[in-house]
Amino acid sequence: MEPDVPKPEPPYESQFDPTLGFPNGRKIRTVKTTQEEMESAAIPPNLRDYCIDDYMKFLHCRQDNFPLVYKCKHEVHAYHQCQFEDHVLRMKEYEREARLRRLAEKKAVA
């Protein structure tokens, strides 16, 4: 990692075409949970990310099985797996942006 390259913040917008380098296009990431559902479940803003669907499944399971919350371990695992995959995808996107930025700088100098 290069220390002089700024790291993107979470609401980061790409400077480059998001389909650049993807000849068949990219899979669109969507969230099924609506804002109203998140607000009614009192989900904190820091948890309202791509994995909110798995988190909502966990909350429903926890509510259904309250004293026996250990029965929801599959939902918790799915949520943590989603968080991990989202982190990996964001890091790959960050590295892609850095490579494209270096390529643009090389072209500008040449």
Protein backbone atom coordinates (compact mmCIF):
# COMPACT_ATOMS: atom_id res chain seq x y z
CA MET A 1 0.00 0.00 0.00
CA GLU A 2 1.21 3.45 -0.83
CA PRO A 3 1.10 6.00 2.00
CA ASP A 4 0.73 9.03 -0.31
CA VAL A 5 -2.45 7.72 -1.97
CA PRO A 6 -5.56 8.94 -0.11
CA LYS A 7 -7.88 6.22 1.15
CA PRO A 8 -11.52 6.46 0.07
CA GLU A 9 -14.21 7.25 2.58
CA PRO A 10 -17.36 5.09 2.73
CA PRO A 11 -19.59 7.34 0.59
CA TYR A 12 -16.82 7.42 -2.03
CA GLU A 13 -17.73 8.04 -5.66
CA SER A 14 -15.44 6.57 -8.28
CA GLN A 15 -13.53 8.92 -10.58
CA PHE A 16 -13.51 6.25 -13.27
CA ASP A 17 -16.16 4.39 -15.22
CA PRO A 18 -17.37 1.56 -12.95
CA THR A 19 -17.66 -0.83 -15.91
CA LEU A 20 -14.12 -0.14 -17.16
CA GLY A 21 -12.35 -3.49 -17.46
CA PHE A 22 -15.55 -5.53 -17.16
CA PRO A 23 -16.53 -6.61 -20.70
CA ASN A 24 -19.73 -8.34 -19.54
CA GLY A 25 -20.69 -5.63 -17.05
CA ARG A 26 -20.81 -5.83 -13.27
CA LYS A 27 -23.27 -7.42 -10.90
CA ILE A 28 -25.43 -4.74 -9.32
CA ARG A 29 -25.52 -4.96 -5.54
CA THR A 30 -28.98 -4.30 -4.16
CA VAL A 31 -30.59 -4.20 -0.74
CA LYS A 32 -34.10 -5.55 -0.21
CA THR A 33 -34.73 -3.84 3.15
CA THR A 34 -36.37 -0.43 2.81
CA GLN A 35 -35.54 2.69 4.79
CA GLU A 36 -38.92 2.48 6.55
CA GLU A 37 -38.18 -1.06 7.72
CA MET A 38 -34.77 0.02 9.02
CA GLU A 39 -36.28 2.96 10.87
CA SER A 40 -39.07 0.88 12.38
CA ALA A 41 -36.51 -1.69 13.57
CA ALA A 42 -34.41 1.15 15.07
CA ILE A 43 -31.30 0.09 13.15
CA PRO A 44 -28.41 2.48 13.89
CA PRO A 45 -27.07 4.35 10.83
CA ASN A 46 -23.66 2.66 11.06
CA LEU A 47 -25.29 -0.76 10.44
CA ARG A 48 -27.31 0.37 7.41
CA ASP A 49 -25.01 -1.07 4.80
CA TYR A 50 -25.06 -3.75 2.13
CA CYS A 51 -25.47 -6.56 4.71
CA ILE A 52 -28.61 -5.14 6.34
CA ASP A 53 -30.75 -7.95 4.88
CA ASP A 54 -28.76 -10.59 6.79
CA TYR A 55 -28.85 -8.46 9.94
CA MET A 56 -32.64 -8.13 9.70
CA LYS A 57 -32.94 -11.93 9.34
CA PHE A 58 -30.91 -12.25 12.53
CA LEU A 59 -33.14 -9.75 14.35
CA HIS A 60 -36.27 -11.64 13.29
CA CYS A 61 -34.75 -14.95 14.40
CA ARG A 62 -33.72 -13.44 17.71
CA GLN A 63 -37.21 -12.12 18.26
CA ASP A 64 -38.81 -15.48 17.39
CA ASN A 65 -36.44 -17.55 19.57
CA PHE A 66 -35.74 -15.02 22.31
CA PRO A 67 -34.59 -17.00 25.29
CA LEU A 68 -32.83 -19.48 23.00
CA VAL A 69 -30.84 -16.98 20.96
CA TYR A 70 -28.18 -19.60 20.24
CA LYS A 71 -30.59 -21.03 17.66
CA CYS A 72 -29.79 -18.02 15.48
CA LYS A 73 -26.13 -18.87 15.03
CA HIS A 74 -26.65 -19.53 11.31
CA GLU A 75 -28.07 -16.05 10.79
CA VAL A 76 -25.20 -14.49 12.75
CA HIS A 77 -22.70 -16.45 10.67
CA ALA A 78 -24.39 -15.35 7.42
CA TYR A 79 -24.22 -11.71 8.59
CA HIS A 80 -20.53 -11.95 9.50
CA GLN A 81 -19.75 -13.69 6.21
CA CYS A 82 -21.53 -10.91 4.33
CA GLN A 83 -19.52 -8.29 6.26
CA PHE A 84 -16.28 -10.08 5.38
CA GLU A 85 -17.16 -10.41 1.68
CA ASP A 86 -18.22 -6.75 1.56
CA HIS A 87 -14.90 -5.71 3.10
CA VAL A 88 -12.94 -7.80 0.58
CA LEU A 89 -14.94 -6.32 -2.29
CA ARG A 90 -14.35 -2.76 -1.07
CA MET A 91 -10.60 -3.42 -0.76
CA LYS A 92 -10.51 -4.86 -4.29
CA GLU A 93 -12.34 -1.78 -5.54
CA TYR A 94 -9.87 0.46 -3.71
CA GLU A 95 -6.93 -1.34 -5.32
CA ARG A 96 -8.60 -1.08 -8.73
CA GLU A 97 -9.02 2.67 -8.25
CA ALA A 98 -5.37 3.01 -7.23
CA ARG A 99 -4.21 1.09 -10.32
CA LEU A 100 -6.42 3.20 -12.61
CA ARG A 101 -5.16 6.38 -10.95
CA ARG A 102 -1.52 5.35 -11.47
CA LEU A 103 -2.28 4.45 -15.11
CA ALA A 104 -3.90 7.87 -15.68
CA GLU A 105 -0.86 9.60 -14.14
CA LYS A 106 1.48 7.62 -16.42
CA LYS A 107 -0.55 8.60 -19.48
CA ALA A 108 -0.59 12.26 -18.41
CA VAL A 109 3.22 12.31 -18.05
CA ALA A 110 3.87 10.52 -21.35
